[in-house]
Amino acid sequence: GLIDETGRILSADEAPDGISPALRARLIEINGQVNFLLVAAEASGSGEPVYLWQKDVRELQLATGAIRAGINILLRRAGLEPADLGSVLLAGAFGNFIRRNNARRIGLLPQIACRRIHFVGNAASLGAQLALLSADERELASQLGRTTEHVDLSLDPEFQMEFGMAMMFPENDVDACNDVR
């Protein structure tokens, strides 16, 4: 692709042979840094071009690295592998705006089957409604609260190593999810 596994946006000269000339032309150097032109000035609402900057990619890597490192550590503490997960739930606004395959491609989620990744919308609101309307659901929430353990990832001796590794974009040799989200 246009971004290597370390998250660096490649220059037009460095881009792989299979990249189309149209995409290659959108790799633009500004002040010594390669950026990707998302929207040309004449097509943007502001009349200014919109770029994907290297800083944007780094911010994505920091966020996904922290989440994925947390997933890896929690799985290890539970003695589980990603294949052991029955499902992964994506909630809130974040879950509404990411595609399953993209979550896997950027390393946010382990390489698990797409059919096990589910979008649940505003889970906090739904949970509050269920707890207000159902004594059984309130009891279940109470049980979960008593049995849930807080894990301070910053105290885990392997967090920094996991975090560093999780910031790398994975090689993606899995099938696409074929979803529209």
Protein backbone atom coordinates (compact mmCIF):
# COMPACT_ATOMS: atom_id res chain seq x y z
CA GLY A 1 0.00 0.00 0.00
CA LEU A 2 0.87 3.63 0.38
CA ILE A 3 1.75 3.25 4.07
CA ASP A 4 4.39 0.76 5.22
CA GLU A 5 4.09 -1.54 8.24
CA THR A 6 5.83 1.05 10.45
CA GLY A 7 3.16 3.62 9.54
CA ARG A 8 5.33 5.74 7.29
CA ILE A 9 3.59 7.26 4.26
CA LEU A 10 5.66 6.26 1.26
CA SER A 11 6.81 8.72 -1.38
CA ALA A 12 5.65 8.28 -4.98
CA ASP A 13 9.06 6.78 -5.80
CA GLU A 14 8.81 4.28 -2.92
CA ALA A 15 5.22 3.19 -3.60
CA PRO A 16 4.89 -0.42 -4.81
CA ASP A 17 4.63 -1.12 -8.53
CA GLY A 18 0.95 -2.08 -8.29
CA ILE A 19 -0.12 1.39 -7.14
CA SER A 20 -2.04 3.24 -9.84
CA PRO A 21 -0.60 6.45 -11.30
CA ALA A 22 -3.66 8.35 -10.00
CA LEU A 23 -2.97 7.28 -6.40
CA ARG A 24 0.77 7.79 -6.80
CA ALA A 25 0.11 11.40 -7.93
CA ARG A 26 -1.72 12.07 -4.64
CA LEU A 27 1.46 11.41 -2.62
CA ILE A 28 2.64 14.98 -2.16
CA GLU A 29 5.70 16.25 -0.32
CA ILE A 30 5.12 19.32 1.85
CA ASN A 31 7.99 20.78 3.88
CA GLY A 32 10.00 17.60 3.44
CA GLN A 33 7.19 15.29 4.56
CA VAL A 34 5.10 13.02 2.35
CA ASN A 35 1.34 13.42 2.73
CA PHE A 36 -1.60 11.88 0.92
CA LEU A 37 -4.07 14.21 -0.78
CA LEU A 38 -7.57 13.12 0.27
CA VAL A 39 -9.56 15.96 -1.34
CA ALA A 40 -8.26 18.50 -3.84
CA ALA A 41 -8.82 22.20 -3.08
CA GLU A 42 -11.38 22.62 -5.85
CA ALA A 43 -13.44 19.72 -4.48
CA SER A 44 -13.34 20.66 -0.80
CA GLY A 45 -15.93 22.78 0.93
CA SER A 46 -13.31 25.22 2.17
CA GLY A 47 -11.39 25.63 -1.06
CA GLU A 48 -8.34 24.19 0.72
CA PRO A 49 -6.90 20.74 0.03
CA VAL A 50 -7.42 18.03 2.65
CA TYR A 51 -4.42 15.81 3.40
CA LEU A 52 -3.71 12.71 5.40
CA TRP A 53 -0.59 13.81 7.28
CA GLN A 54 2.07 11.59 8.79
CA LYS A 55 0.97 12.92 12.20
CA ASP A 56 -2.55 11.57 11.53
CA VAL A 57 -1.16 8.11 10.88
CA ARG A 58 0.93 8.27 14.08
CA GLU A 59 -2.12 9.28 16.13
CA LEU A 60 -4.01 6.31 14.72
CA GLN A 61 -1.09 4.04 15.59
CA LEU A 62 -0.97 5.31 19.18
CA ALA A 63 -4.69 4.73 19.69
CA THR A 64 -4.83 1.32 18.03
CA GLY A 65 -1.57 0.25 19.66
CA ALA A 66 -2.91 0.97 23.14
CA ILE A 67 -6.19 -0.82 22.49
CA ARG A 68 -4.57 -3.84 20.87
CA ALA A 69 -1.90 -4.09 23.59
CA GLY A 70 -4.71 -4.11 26.14
CA ILE A 71 -6.53 -6.85 24.25
CA ASN A 72 -3.36 -8.95 24.03
CA ILE A 73 -2.55 -8.58 27.73
CA LEU A 74 -6.11 -9.36 28.84
CA LEU A 75 -6.24 -12.42 26.59
CA ARG A 76 -2.92 -13.65 27.98
CA ARG A 77 -4.04 -13.09 31.60
CA ALA A 78 -7.20 -15.09 30.88
CA GLY A 79 -5.21 -17.86 29.19
CA LEU A 80 -7.01 -17.30 25.89
CA GLU A 81 -6.08 -16.90 22.24
CA PRO A 82 -7.98 -14.69 19.76
CA ALA A 83 -9.49 -17.84 18.25
CA ASP A 84 -11.13 -18.56 21.63
CA LEU A 85 -13.25 -15.40 21.46
CA GLY A 86 -16.87 -16.08 20.61
CA SER A 87 -17.43 -12.48 19.57
CA VAL A 88 -15.96 -9.00 19.69
CA LEU A 89 -18.37 -6.12 20.26
CA LEU A 90 -17.69 -2.64 18.90
CA ALA A 91 -19.77 -0.02 20.68
CA GLY A 92 -20.55 3.66 20.52
CA ALA A 93 -19.73 6.16 17.82
CA PHE A 94 -16.45 4.40 17.18
CA GLY A 95 -18.24 1.17 16.33
CA ASN A 96 -20.55 3.03 13.98
CA PHE A 97 -17.76 4.39 11.81
CA ILE A 98 -15.28 1.57 11.31
CA ARG A 99 -15.55 -1.41 9.02
CA ARG A 100 -14.77 -4.86 10.38
CA ASN A 101 -12.04 -5.46 7.85
CA ASN A 102 -10.43 -2.07 8.49
CA ALA A 103 -10.36 -2.75 12.24
CA ARG A 104 -8.42 -5.92 11.47
CA ARG A 105 -6.24 -4.33 8.77
CA ILE A 106 -4.91 -1.59 11.05
CA GLY A 107 -4.27 -4.06 13.87
CA LEU A 108 -6.98 -2.77 16.19
CA LEU A 109 -8.51 -6.24 16.44
CA PRO A 110 -6.92 -9.65 16.23
CA GLN A 111 -7.28 -11.50 12.93
CA ILE A 112 -10.54 -13.21 13.83
CA ALA A 113 -13.41 -14.19 11.58
CA CYS A 114 -15.53 -11.24 10.51
CA ARG A 115 -18.71 -13.02 11.52
CA ARG A 116 -17.54 -12.73 15.15
CA ILE A 117 -17.22 -8.92 15.04
CA HIS A 118 -20.50 -7.21 15.94
CA PHE A 119 -21.59 -3.57 16.15
CA VAL A 120 -23.77 -2.86 19.18
CA GLY A 121 -24.41 0.88 18.91
CA ASN A 122 -24.83 2.88 22.11
CA ALA A 123 -24.22 0.02 24.54
CA ALA A 124 -24.05 2.31 27.60
CA SER A 125 -27.50 3.74 26.92
CA LEU A 126 -28.97 0.32 26.13
CA GLY A 127 -27.46 -1.14 29.31
CA ALA A 128 -28.88 1.69 31.40
CA GLN A 129 -32.33 1.18 29.87
CA LEU A 130 -32.20 -2.57 30.53
CA ALA A 131 -31.10 -2.00 34.13
CA LEU A 132 -33.92 0.49 34.72
CA LEU A 133 -36.59 -1.71 33.19
CA SER A 134 -35.61 -5.19 34.38
CA ALA A 135 -34.77 -6.50 37.85
CA ASP A 136 -33.05 -9.50 36.24
CA GLU A 137 -30.83 -7.25 34.14
CA ARG A 138 -30.02 -5.12 37.22
CA GLU A 139 -28.99 -8.27 39.07
CA LEU A 140 -26.83 -9.40 36.14
CA ALA A 141 -25.16 -5.97 36.04
CA SER A 142 -24.56 -6.16 39.78
CA GLN A 143 -23.01 -9.63 39.45
CA LEU A 144 -20.74 -8.43 36.68
CA GLY A 145 -19.68 -5.48 38.81
CA ARG A 146 -18.75 -7.79 41.69
CA THR A 147 -16.77 -10.22 39.52
CA THR A 148 -15.04 -7.79 37.17
CA GLU A 149 -11.38 -7.08 37.92
CA HIS A 150 -9.66 -3.79 37.14
CA VAL A 151 -6.36 -4.29 35.32
CA ASP A 152 -3.94 -1.36 35.33
CA LEU A 153 -2.13 -1.92 32.05
CA SER A 154 0.53 0.66 32.89
CA LEU A 155 1.71 -1.65 35.68
CA ASP A 156 2.00 -4.69 33.44
CA PRO A 157 5.69 -5.35 32.80
CA GLU A 158 4.95 -6.39 29.21
CA PHE A 159 2.76 -3.42 28.29
CA GLN A 160 5.47 -1.29 26.68
CA MET A 161 6.67 -4.19 24.52
CA GLU A 162 3.09 -5.11 23.56
CA PHE A 163 2.31 -1.47 22.82
CA GLY A 164 5.36 -1.06 20.60
CA MET A 165 4.56 -4.22 18.66
CA ALA A 166 0.86 -3.33 18.36
CA MET A 167 1.70 0.03 16.78
CA MET A 168 3.02 -1.77 13.70
CA PHE A 169 0.47 -2.33 10.96
CA PRO A 170 0.08 -6.09 10.49
CA GLU A 171 0.59 -7.99 7.30
CA ASN A 172 -2.90 -8.78 6.12
CA ASP A 173 -3.30 -12.12 4.49
CA VAL A 174 -6.85 -12.73 5.67
CA ASP A 175 -9.99 -12.62 3.60
CA ALA A 176 -11.89 -9.36 3.39
CA CYS A 177 -15.03 -9.08 5.47
CA ASN A 178 -17.20 -7.95 2.56
CA ASP A 179 -19.29 -5.63 4.69
CA VAL A 180 -20.43 -2.16 3.85
CA ARG A 181 -19.56 -0.66 7.21
